[in-house]
Amino acid sequence: MNTQARFTLTQSQKMMVFILSMSLYGLSNMITELIPKFYLGPIELSVEYFAFIPLSLAMIFHPLYAAIGASLGEIIFGEIMLGQFGGIGELEKFIAFSLAIFIAGVIVRNPENKKQVALGAMIGVIIHQFISMSVDILKVWVGVEELEAVEGLAESVVVIEGLAFLNDVLFSGILFALLPTLYLVPRLYGKIEPLLGMKPRKNDLQLGLSDIVTAPLVLGGVVLASLSFLFEYLSETTFGWEWEAPLVDHFGEWVVYPLMAVPVIVAVGVIIYLVKRKSKKTTDGYSEVV
């Protein structure tokens, strides 16, 4: 195995990756609120998320900070600013999505390798959707939530959630995760980092699957997935609480447009700061996943 020295991101660079991921993905969540849903019989076809944004940032920059930033951006810009907050249940979404994006970024050691990028993108989507599906099934099995039967489908939570899982993976996963990520990452790698004052991550580390999928990573994933169910379970009990101020219902979808200016301003501000900072001093470079 190649054990070349790795670069390191400065704390300010890590924070900028975090904020950039938070604002861009938060903006994309606002946009999805404006996209209508379509139905093909009992199957719902909808744009659940633009996962290519955090996936691309995780593969090009830093998986951990991109993942956490995107998850927090969904909560702040995609929910709280639109007048909704699910309380402790939001931790399930936060953990599941952060874990999925982080693992996707870890898998990609060479952002110019399209096979790695495609594999990372699909694994990230599958992990996220699988955790969400498992949590929903377990909630019905333990009795904290009733089965919502879908007309035209068998009254089985496994069948219903399984079809929803396949729909999300094959529809949103391919159209709004795999294809855009596969197009953007190889083209942006090595070009966007210098513009932001960073050195590209090394792309010549030769690591096998066993070097990536380690016991601590698997164990950590299982623990986090279990915690996501625990928090979702608690949200359905007396510990759960929700806050809602349905702005869209009261004022219409137009209210989303001025709110979208907030993440845009944050993202543009981060980019301007990084570009200006680059002109002042040389950066320390990029750190791959620790």
C-alpha atoms as a PDB file:
ATOM      1  CA  MET A   1       0.000   0.000   0.000  1.00  0.00           C
ATOM      2  CA  ASN A   2       1.185   3.470  -0.840  1.00  0.00           C
ATOM      3  CA  THR A   3       1.800   5.414   2.355  1.00  0.00           C
ATOM      4  CA  GLN A   4       2.599   8.812   0.917  1.00  0.00           C
ATOM      5  CA  ALA A   5       2.333  11.792   3.202  1.00  0.00           C
ATOM      6  CA  ARG A   6      -0.975  13.599   3.168  1.00  0.00           C
ATOM      7  CA  PHE A   7      -1.657  17.293   2.995  1.00  0.00           C
ATOM      8  CA  THR A   8      -3.576  19.077   5.707  1.00  0.00           C
ATOM      9  CA  LEU A   9      -6.401  21.560   5.570  1.00  0.00           C
ATOM     10  CA  THR A  10      -6.161  24.551   7.842  1.00  0.00           C
ATOM     11  CA  GLN A  11      -8.978  25.094  10.332  1.00  0.00           C
ATOM     12  CA  SER A  12     -10.260  28.052   8.343  1.00  0.00           C
ATOM     13  CA  GLN A  13     -10.345  25.953   5.166  1.00  0.00           C
ATOM     14  CA  LYS A  14     -12.263  23.201   6.943  1.00  0.00           C
ATOM     15  CA  MET A  15     -14.755  25.766   8.174  1.00  0.00           C
ATOM     16  CA  MET A  16     -15.142  27.194   4.683  1.00  0.00           C
ATOM     17  CA  VAL A  17     -15.854  23.732   3.236  1.00  0.00           C
ATOM     18  CA  PHE A  18     -18.416  23.213   6.005  1.00  0.00           C
ATOM     19  CA  ILE A  19     -20.159  26.551   5.354  1.00  0.00           C
ATOM     20  CA  LEU A  20     -20.058  26.125   1.574  1.00  0.00           C
ATOM     21  CA  SER A  21     -21.647  22.679   1.815  1.00  0.00           C
ATOM     22  CA  MET A  22     -24.227  23.913   4.316  1.00  0.00           C
ATOM     23  CA  SER A  23     -25.321  26.890   2.219  1.00  0.00           C
ATOM     24  CA  LEU A  24     -25.351  25.190  -1.200  1.00  0.00           C
ATOM     25  CA  TYR A  25     -27.204  22.106  -0.036  1.00  0.00           C
ATOM     26  CA  GLY A  26     -29.559  24.216   2.060  1.00  0.00           C
ATOM     27  CA  LEU A  27     -30.365  26.248  -1.049  1.00  0.00           C
ATOM     28  CA  SER A  28     -31.032  23.075  -3.026  1.00  0.00           C
ATOM     29  CA  ASN A  29     -33.478  21.897  -0.340  1.00  0.00           C
ATOM     30  CA  MET A  30     -35.417  25.124  -0.729  1.00  0.00           C
ATOM     31  CA  ILE A  31     -35.568  24.545  -4.479  1.00  0.00           C
ATOM     32  CA  THR A  32     -36.969  21.040  -4.033  1.00  0.00           C
ATOM     33  CA  GLU A  33     -39.898  22.572  -2.138  1.00  0.00           C
ATOM     34  CA  LEU A  34     -40.934  24.262  -5.389  1.00  0.00           C
ATOM     35  CA  ILE A  35     -40.736  21.151  -7.585  1.00  0.00           C
ATOM     36  CA  PRO A  36     -44.091  19.372  -7.991  1.00  0.00           C
ATOM     37  CA  LYS A  37     -44.559  15.662  -7.332  1.00  0.00           C
ATOM     38  CA  PHE A  38     -45.813  13.179  -9.902  1.00  0.00           C
ATOM     39  CA  TYR A  39     -47.562   9.882  -9.365  1.00  0.00           C
ATOM     40  CA  LEU A  40     -47.346   6.725 -11.434  1.00  0.00           C
ATOM     41  CA  GLY A  41     -50.137   4.664  -9.923  1.00  0.00           C
ATOM     42  CA  PRO A  42     -49.216   4.115  -6.271  1.00  0.00           C
ATOM     43  CA  ILE A  43     -45.592   5.150  -6.907  1.00  0.00           C
ATOM     44  CA  GLU A  44     -44.586   8.726  -6.122  1.00  0.00           C
ATOM     45  CA  LEU A  45     -41.997  10.294  -8.406  1.00  0.00           C
ATOM     46  CA  SER A  46     -40.454  13.286  -6.704  1.00  0.00           C
ATOM     47  CA  VAL A  47     -37.129  15.033  -6.345  1.00  0.00           C
ATOM     48  CA  GLU A  48     -36.172  14.139  -2.797  1.00  0.00           C
ATOM     49  CA  TYR A  49     -32.840  15.956  -2.819  1.00  0.00           C
ATOM     50  CA  PHE A  50     -29.997  17.181  -5.000  1.00  0.00           C
ATOM     51  CA  ALA A  51     -27.498  14.810  -3.437  1.00  0.00           C
ATOM     52  CA  PHE A  52     -24.852  15.562  -6.059  1.00  0.00           C
ATOM     53  CA  ILE A  53     -23.977  18.799  -4.241  1.00  0.00           C
ATOM     54  CA  PRO A  54     -22.667  17.311  -0.968  1.00  0.00           C
ATOM     55  CA  LEU A  55     -21.379  14.225  -2.817  1.00  0.00           C
ATOM     56  CA  SER A  56     -19.243  16.374  -5.121  1.00  0.00           C
ATOM     57  CA  LEU A  57     -17.931  18.506  -2.256  1.00  0.00           C
ATOM     58  CA  ALA A  58     -17.133  15.406  -0.192  1.00  0.00           C
ATOM     59  CA  MET A  59     -15.201  13.795  -3.055  1.00  0.00           C
ATOM     60  CA  ILE A  60     -13.302  16.937  -4.065  1.00  0.00           C
ATOM     61  CA  PHE A  61     -12.688  18.547  -0.689  1.00  0.00           C
ATOM     62  CA  HIS A  62     -13.204  16.999   2.756  1.00  0.00           C
ATOM     63  CA  PRO A  63     -15.781  14.204   3.309  1.00  0.00           C
ATOM     64  CA  LEU A  64     -16.416  14.851   6.996  1.00  0.00           C
ATOM     65  CA  TYR A  65     -16.922  18.616   6.861  1.00  0.00           C
ATOM     66  CA  ALA A  66     -18.890  18.450   3.615  1.00  0.00           C
ATOM     67  CA  ALA A  67     -21.181  15.764   5.071  1.00  0.00           C
ATOM     68  CA  ILE A  68     -21.879  17.518   8.370  1.00  0.00           C
ATOM     69  CA  GLY A  69     -22.285  20.877   6.649  1.00  0.00           C
ATOM     70  CA  ALA A  70     -24.859  19.518   4.187  1.00  0.00           C
ATOM     71  CA  SER A  71     -26.894  17.838   6.933  1.00  0.00           C
ATOM     72  CA  LEU A  72     -26.945  21.003   9.020  1.00  0.00           C
ATOM     73  CA  GLY A  73     -27.826  23.067   5.942  1.00  0.00           C
ATOM     74  CA  GLU A  74     -30.886  20.893   5.333  1.00  0.00           C
ATOM     75  CA  ILE A  75     -32.094  21.535   8.876  1.00  0.00           C
ATOM     76  CA  ILE A  76     -31.384  25.280   8.928  1.00  0.00           C
ATOM     77  CA  PHE A  77     -32.288  26.379   5.402  1.00  0.00           C
ATOM     78  CA  GLY A  78     -34.483  23.514   4.235  1.00  0.00           C
ATOM     79  CA  GLU A  79     -36.656  23.262   7.337  1.00  0.00           C
ATOM     80  CA  ILE A  80     -36.307  25.903  10.064  1.00  0.00           C
ATOM     81  CA  MET A  81     -36.286  28.840   7.647  1.00  0.00           C
ATOM     82  CA  LEU A  82     -39.354  27.381   5.934  1.00  0.00           C
ATOM     83  CA  GLY A  83     -41.172  27.149   9.236  1.00  0.00           C
ATOM     84  CA  GLN A  84     -40.782  23.525  10.239  1.00  0.00           C
ATOM     85  CA  PHE A  85     -38.613  21.616  12.685  1.00  0.00           C
ATOM     86  CA  GLY A  86     -39.035  17.989  13.722  1.00  0.00           C
ATOM     87  CA  GLY A  87     -37.305  18.216  17.086  1.00  0.00           C
ATOM     88  CA  ILE A  88     -35.307  15.184  18.184  1.00  0.00           C
ATOM     89  CA  GLY A  89     -36.409  13.340  15.049  1.00  0.00           C
ATOM     90  CA  GLU A  90     -34.149  15.608  13.011  1.00  0.00           C
ATOM     91  CA  LEU A  91     -31.161  13.815  14.522  1.00  0.00           C
ATOM     92  CA  GLU A  92     -32.145  10.684  12.581  1.00  0.00           C
ATOM     93  CA  LYS A  93     -31.941  12.586   9.300  1.00  0.00           C
ATOM     94  CA  PHE A  94     -28.736  14.320  10.356  1.00  0.00           C
ATOM     95  CA  ILE A  95     -26.940  11.097  11.312  1.00  0.00           C
ATOM     96  CA  ALA A  96     -28.148   9.039   8.341  1.00  0.00           C
ATOM     97  CA  PHE A  97     -27.301  11.649   5.711  1.00  0.00           C
ATOM     98  CA  SER A  98     -23.959  12.630   7.264  1.00  0.00           C
ATOM     99  CA  LEU A  99     -22.892   8.991   7.482  1.00  0.00           C
ATOM    100  CA  ALA A 100     -23.892   8.297   3.871  1.00  0.00           C
ATOM    101  CA  ILE A 101     -22.082  11.323   2.409  1.00  0.00           C
ATOM    102  CA  PHE A 102     -18.990  10.715   4.527  1.00  0.00           C
ATOM    103  CA  ILE A 103     -18.666   7.092   3.401  1.00  0.00           C
ATOM    104  CA  ALA A 104     -19.225   8.125  -0.215  1.00  0.00           C
ATOM    105  CA  GLY A 105     -16.384  10.638   0.063  1.00  0.00           C
ATOM    106  CA  VAL A 106     -14.090   8.129   1.772  1.00  0.00           C
ATOM    107  CA  ILE A 107     -14.568   5.585  -1.008  1.00  0.00           C
ATOM    108  CA  VAL A 108     -13.348   7.985  -3.695  1.00  0.00           C
ATOM    109  CA  ARG A 109      -9.560   8.158  -3.484  1.00  0.00           C
ATOM    110  CA  ASN A 110      -9.100   9.398  -7.039  1.00  0.00           C
ATOM    111  CA  PRO A 111     -11.710  12.006  -8.072  1.00  0.00           C
ATOM    112  CA  GLU A 112     -10.661  11.543 -11.700  1.00  0.00           C
ATOM    113  CA  ASN A 113     -11.590   7.862 -11.616  1.00  0.00           C
ATOM    114  CA  LYS A 114     -15.179   7.731 -12.873  1.00  0.00           C
ATOM    115  CA  LYS A 115     -15.713   4.201 -11.580  1.00  0.00           C
ATOM    116  CA  GLN A 116     -14.823   5.276  -8.045  1.00  0.00           C
ATOM    117  CA  VAL A 117     -17.008   8.372  -8.330  1.00  0.00           C
ATOM    118  CA  ALA A 118     -19.981   6.353  -9.599  1.00  0.00           C
ATOM    119  CA  LEU A 119     -19.510   3.722  -6.896  1.00  0.00           C
ATOM    120  CA  GLY A 120     -19.202   6.325  -4.159  1.00  0.00           C
ATOM    121  CA  ALA A 121     -22.281   8.242  -5.332  1.00  0.00           C
ATOM    122  CA  MET A 122     -24.523   5.172  -5.482  1.00  0.00           C
ATOM    123  CA  ILE A 123     -23.264   3.717  -2.207  1.00  0.00           C
ATOM    124  CA  GLY A 124     -23.917   7.045  -0.503  1.00  0.00           C
ATOM    125  CA  VAL A 125     -27.509   7.137  -1.783  1.00  0.00           C
ATOM    126  CA  ILE A 126     -28.118   3.466  -0.965  1.00  0.00           C
ATOM    127  CA  ILE A 127     -26.802   3.810   2.600  1.00  0.00           C
ATOM    128  CA  HIS A 128     -28.962   6.870   3.257  1.00  0.00           C
ATOM    129  CA  GLN A 129     -32.118   5.358   1.788  1.00  0.00           C
ATOM    130  CA  PHE A 130     -31.513   1.982   3.446  1.00  0.00           C
ATOM    131  CA  ILE A 131     -31.180   3.553   6.892  1.00  0.00           C
ATOM    132  CA  SER A 132     -34.329   5.607   6.314  1.00  0.00           C
ATOM    133  CA  MET A 133     -36.218   2.525   5.100  1.00  0.00           C
ATOM    134  CA  SER A 134     -35.046   0.416   8.038  1.00  0.00           C
ATOM    135  CA  VAL A 135     -36.045   3.097  10.542  1.00  0.00           C
ATOM    136  CA  ASP A 136     -39.540   3.372   9.049  1.00  0.00           C
ATOM    137  CA  ILE A 137     -39.994  -0.417   9.082  1.00  0.00           C
ATOM    138  CA  LEU A 138     -38.780  -0.731  12.674  1.00  0.00           C
ATOM    139  CA  LYS A 139     -41.122   2.044  13.835  1.00  0.00           C
ATOM    140  CA  VAL A 140     -44.093   0.022  12.580  1.00  0.00           C
ATOM    141  CA  TRP A 141     -42.776  -3.240  13.990  1.00  0.00           C
ATOM    142  CA  VAL A 142     -42.212  -1.830  17.487  1.00  0.00           C
ATOM    143  CA  GLY A 143     -45.613  -0.156  17.410  1.00  0.00           C
ATOM    144  CA  VAL A 144     -44.765   3.556  17.613  1.00  0.00           C
ATOM    145  CA  GLU A 145     -46.248   4.233  14.192  1.00  0.00           C
ATOM    146  CA  GLU A 146     -49.161   2.739  12.296  1.00  0.00           C
ATOM    147  CA  LEU A 147     -48.826   1.294   8.823  1.00  0.00           C
ATOM    148  CA  GLU A 148     -49.908   3.752   6.155  1.00  0.00           C
ATOM    149  CA  ALA A 149     -51.340   1.475   3.487  1.00  0.00           C
ATOM    150  CA  VAL A 150     -50.889   2.535  -0.125  1.00  0.00           C
ATOM    151  CA  GLU A 151     -53.727   1.824  -2.535  1.00  0.00           C
ATOM    152  CA  GLY A 152     -52.689  -0.780  -5.063  1.00  0.00           C
ATOM    153  CA  LEU A 153     -49.915  -2.284  -2.915  1.00  0.00           C
ATOM    154  CA  ALA A 154     -49.890  -5.150  -0.462  1.00  0.00           C
ATOM    155  CA  GLU A 155     -50.515  -4.060   3.124  1.00  0.00           C
ATOM    156  CA  SER A 156     -46.981  -4.913   4.182  1.00  0.00           C
ATOM    157  CA  VAL A 157     -44.602  -2.320   5.554  1.00  0.00           C
ATOM    158  CA  VAL A 158     -41.668  -4.192   4.036  1.00  0.00           C
ATOM    159  CA  VAL A 159     -43.234  -4.129   0.558  1.00  0.00           C
ATOM    160  CA  ILE A 160     -44.280  -0.497   0.802  1.00  0.00           C
ATOM    161  CA  GLU A 161     -40.975   0.749   2.179  1.00  0.00           C
ATOM    162  CA  GLY A 162     -39.023  -1.531  -0.158  1.00  0.00           C
ATOM    163  CA  LEU A 163     -40.710  -0.048  -3.225  1.00  0.00           C
ATOM    164  CA  ALA A 164     -40.160   3.459  -1.871  1.00  0.00           C
ATOM    165  CA  PHE A 165     -36.488   2.566  -1.344  1.00  0.00           C
ATOM    166  CA  LEU A 166     -36.116   1.339  -4.947  1.00  0.00           C
ATOM    167  CA  ASN A 167     -37.947   4.398  -6.261  1.00  0.00           C
ATOM    168  CA  ASP A 168     -35.679   6.810  -4.365  1.00  0.00           C
ATOM    169  CA  VAL A 169     -32.496   4.962  -5.365  1.00  0.00           C
ATOM    170  CA  LEU A 170     -33.383   4.493  -9.037  1.00  0.00           C
ATOM    171  CA  PHE A 171     -35.092   7.848  -9.590  1.00  0.00           C
ATOM    172  CA  SER A 172     -33.518  10.473  -7.329  1.00  0.00           C
ATOM    173  CA  GLY A 173     -30.364   8.396  -6.873  1.00  0.00           C
ATOM    174  CA  ILE A 174     -29.518   8.144 -10.553  1.00  0.00           C
ATOM    175  CA  LEU A 175     -30.924  11.409 -11.890  1.00  0.00           C
ATOM    176  CA  PHE A 176     -29.949  13.746  -9.063  1.00  0.00           C
ATOM    177  CA  ALA A 177     -26.951  12.001  -7.501  1.00  0.00           C
ATOM    178  CA  LEU A 178     -25.092   9.632  -9.815  1.00  0.00           C
ATOM    179  CA  LEU A 179     -25.237  11.419 -13.176  1.00  0.00           C
ATOM    180  CA  PRO A 180     -24.496  15.005 -11.986  1.00  0.00           C
ATOM    181  CA  THR A 181     -21.751  13.799  -9.630  1.00  0.00           C
ATOM    182  CA  LEU A 182     -20.199  11.671 -12.351  1.00  0.00           C
ATOM    183  CA  TYR A 183     -20.150  14.705 -14.633  1.00  0.00           C
ATOM    184  CA  LEU A 184     -18.963  17.339 -12.162  1.00  0.00           C
ATOM    185  CA  VAL A 185     -16.331  15.681  -9.983  1.00  0.00           C
ATOM    186  CA  PRO A 186     -13.769  14.646 -12.666  1.00  0.00           C
ATOM    187  CA  ARG A 187     -14.163  18.002 -14.393  1.00  0.00           C
ATOM    188  CA  LEU A 188     -13.932  20.183 -11.288  1.00  0.00           C
ATOM    189  CA  TYR A 189     -11.120  18.249  -9.607  1.00  0.00           C
ATOM    190  CA  GLY A 190      -7.833  20.123  -9.869  1.00  0.00           C
ATOM    191  CA  LYS A 191      -9.530  23.234 -11.245  1.00  0.00           C
ATOM    192  CA  ILE A 192     -11.807  24.527  -8.498  1.00  0.00           C
ATOM    193  CA  GLU A 193      -9.369  24.052  -5.603  1.00  0.00           C
ATOM    194  CA  PRO A 194      -6.734  26.564  -6.836  1.00  0.00           C
ATOM    195  CA  LEU A 195      -9.488  29.142  -7.361  1.00  0.00           C
ATOM    196  CA  LEU A 196     -10.375  28.786  -3.680  1.00  0.00           C
ATOM    197  CA  GLY A 197      -6.750  28.798  -2.520  1.00  0.00           C
ATOM    198  CA  MET A 198      -6.434  25.062  -1.885  1.00  0.00           C
ATOM    199  CA  LYS A 199      -4.295  22.321  -3.323  1.00  0.00           C
ATOM    200  CA  PRO A 200      -6.103  19.329  -4.866  1.00  0.00           C
ATOM    201  CA  ARG A 201      -6.235  16.138  -2.846  1.00  0.00           C
ATOM    202  CA  LYS A 202      -3.775  13.493  -3.997  1.00  0.00           C
ATOM    203  CA  ASN A 203      -5.216  11.063  -6.514  1.00  0.00           C
ATOM    204  CA  ASP A 204      -2.474   8.440  -6.617  1.00  0.00           C
ATOM    205  CA  LEU A 205      -3.050   6.561  -3.367  1.00  0.00           C
ATOM    206  CA  GLN A 206      -3.469   2.874  -4.227  1.00  0.00           C
ATOM    207  CA  LEU A 207      -5.770   1.460  -1.565  1.00  0.00           C
ATOM    208  CA  GLY A 208      -7.702  -1.783  -1.656  1.00  0.00           C
ATOM    209  CA  LEU A 209     -11.266  -2.250  -0.475  1.00  0.00           C
ATOM    210  CA  SER A 210     -10.026  -3.644   2.839  1.00  0.00           C
ATOM    211  CA  ASP A 211      -8.067  -0.429   3.436  1.00  0.00           C
ATOM    212  CA  ILE A 212     -11.245   1.635   3.042  1.00  0.00           C
ATOM    213  CA  VAL A 213     -13.952  -0.563   4.553  1.00  0.00           C
ATOM    214  CA  THR A 214     -12.265  -1.089   7.914  1.00  0.00           C
ATOM    215  CA  ALA A 215     -13.713  -2.582  11.096  1.00  0.00           C
ATOM    216  CA  PRO A 216     -13.922   0.822  12.860  1.00  0.00           C
ATOM    217  CA  LEU A 217     -15.774   2.301   9.864  1.00  0.00           C
ATOM    218  CA  VAL A 218     -18.289  -0.566   9.783  1.00  0.00           C
ATOM    219  CA  LEU A 219     -18.737  -0.541  13.560  1.00  0.00           C
ATOM    220  CA  GLY A 220     -19.137   3.224  13.588  1.00  0.00           C
ATOM    221  CA  GLY A 221     -21.706   3.010  10.806  1.00  0.00           C
ATOM    222  CA  VAL A 222     -23.739   0.386  12.686  1.00  0.00           C
ATOM    223  CA  VAL A 223     -23.649   2.436  15.893  1.00  0.00           C
ATOM    224  CA  LEU A 224     -24.711   5.636  14.122  1.00  0.00           C
ATOM    225  CA  ALA A 225     -27.474   3.839  12.228  1.00  0.00           C
ATOM    226  CA  SER A 226     -28.738   2.430  15.533  1.00  0.00           C
ATOM    227  CA  LEU A 227     -28.661   5.880  17.093  1.00  0.00           C
ATOM    228  CA  SER A 228     -30.653   7.291  14.175  1.00  0.00           C
ATOM    229  CA  PHE A 229     -33.424   4.755  14.902  1.00  0.00           C
ATOM    230  CA  LEU A 230     -33.286   5.552  18.614  1.00  0.00           C
ATOM    231  CA  PHE A 231     -33.748   9.274  18.023  1.00  0.00           C
ATOM    232  CA  GLU A 232     -36.568   8.678  15.540  1.00  0.00           C
ATOM    233  CA  TYR A 233     -38.204   6.281  18.011  1.00  0.00           C
ATOM    234  CA  LEU A 234     -37.984   8.874  20.773  1.00  0.00           C
ATOM    235  CA  SER A 235     -39.509  11.491  18.473  1.00  0.00           C
ATOM    236  CA  GLU A 236     -42.648   9.334  18.233  1.00  0.00           C
ATOM    237  CA  THR A 237     -42.973   9.056  22.024  1.00  0.00           C
ATOM    238  CA  THR A 238     -43.569  11.602  24.763  1.00  0.00           C
ATOM    239  CA  PHE A 239     -40.001  12.848  24.256  1.00  0.00           C
ATOM    240  CA  GLY A 240     -40.869  14.028  20.763  1.00  0.00           C
ATOM    241  CA  TRP A 241     -41.909  17.557  19.919  1.00  0.00           C
ATOM    242  CA  GLU A 242     -42.254  19.507  16.713  1.00  0.00           C
ATOM    243  CA  TRP A 243     -42.371  23.150  15.783  1.00  0.00           C
ATOM    244  CA  GLU A 244     -44.213  24.328  12.724  1.00  0.00           C
ATOM    245  CA  ALA A 245     -45.047  27.690  11.223  1.00  0.00           C
ATOM    246  CA  PRO A 246     -46.366  26.748   7.767  1.00  0.00           C
ATOM    247  CA  LEU A 247     -45.154  29.767   5.837  1.00  0.00           C
ATOM    248  CA  VAL A 248     -45.736  28.161   2.438  1.00  0.00           C
ATOM    249  CA  ASP A 249     -49.313  27.210   3.352  1.00  0.00           C
ATOM    250  CA  HIS A 250     -50.101  30.711   4.614  1.00  0.00           C
ATOM    251  CA  PHE A 251     -48.297  32.873   2.076  1.00  0.00           C
ATOM    252  CA  GLY A 252     -47.827  30.574  -0.914  1.00  0.00           C
ATOM    253  CA  GLU A 253     -44.696  29.268  -2.595  1.00  0.00           C
ATOM    254  CA  TRP A 254     -43.503  32.774  -3.456  1.00  0.00           C
ATOM    255  CA  VAL A 255     -42.273  33.178   0.135  1.00  0.00           C
ATOM    256  CA  VAL A 256     -39.517  30.656  -0.606  1.00  0.00           C
ATOM    257  CA  TYR A 257     -37.861  32.923  -3.197  1.00  0.00           C
ATOM    258  CA  PRO A 258     -36.750  35.756  -0.871  1.00  0.00           C
ATOM    259  CA  LEU A 259     -35.643  33.186   1.718  1.00  0.00           C
ATOM    260  CA  MET A 260     -33.418  31.562  -0.900  1.00  0.00           C
ATOM    261  CA  ALA A 261     -31.321  34.723  -0.902  1.00  0.00           C
ATOM    262  CA  VAL A 262     -29.906  33.819   2.530  1.00  0.00           C
ATOM    263  CA  PRO A 263     -27.959  30.662   1.559  1.00  0.00           C
ATOM    264  CA  VAL A 264     -26.972  32.324  -1.721  1.00  0.00           C
ATOM    265  CA  ILE A 265     -25.421  35.251   0.161  1.00  0.00           C
ATOM    266  CA  VAL A 266     -23.640  32.867   2.532  1.00  0.00           C
ATOM    267  CA  ALA A 267     -22.221  30.753  -0.320  1.00  0.00           C
ATOM    268  CA  VAL A 268     -21.105  33.763  -2.349  1.00  0.00           C
ATOM    269  CA  GLY A 269     -19.555  35.306   0.747  1.00  0.00           C
ATOM    270  CA  VAL A 270     -17.515  32.152   1.412  1.00  0.00           C
ATOM    271  CA  ILE A 271     -16.283  31.980  -2.184  1.00  0.00           C
ATOM    272  CA  ILE A 272     -15.286  35.665  -2.189  1.00  0.00           C
ATOM    273  CA  TYR A 273     -13.463  35.212   1.114  1.00  0.00           C
ATOM    274  CA  LEU A 274     -11.519  32.195  -0.162  1.00  0.00           C
ATOM    275  CA  VAL A 275     -10.581  33.895  -3.421  1.00  0.00           C
ATOM    276  CA  LYS A 276      -9.357  36.997  -1.599  1.00  0.00           C
ATOM    277  CA  ARG A 277      -7.508  34.900   0.948  1.00  0.00           C
ATOM    278  CA  LYS A 278      -5.741  33.042  -1.825  1.00  0.00           C
ATOM    279  CA  SER A 279      -4.293  36.266  -3.162  1.00  0.00           C
ATOM    280  CA  LYS A 280      -2.802  37.109   0.237  1.00  0.00           C
ATOM    281  CA  LYS A 281      -0.971  33.952   1.170  1.00  0.00           C
ATOM    282  CA  THR A 282      -0.235  30.406   0.069  1.00  0.00           C
ATOM    283  CA  THR A 283      -2.473  27.748   1.587  1.00  0.00           C
ATOM    284  CA  ASP A 284      -1.244  24.641   3.361  1.00  0.00           C
ATOM    285  CA  GLY A 285      -3.041  22.285   1.004  1.00  0.00           C
ATOM    286  CA  TYR A 286      -5.622  19.534   1.219  1.00  0.00           C
ATOM    287  CA  SER A 287      -6.066  16.747   3.690  1.00  0.00           C
ATOM    288  CA  GLU A 288      -7.519  13.417   2.729  1.00  0.00           C
ATOM    289  CA  VAL A 289      -9.760  11.519   5.101  1.00  0.00           C
ATOM    290  CA  VAL A 290      -8.203  10.636   8.415  1.00  0.00           C
END
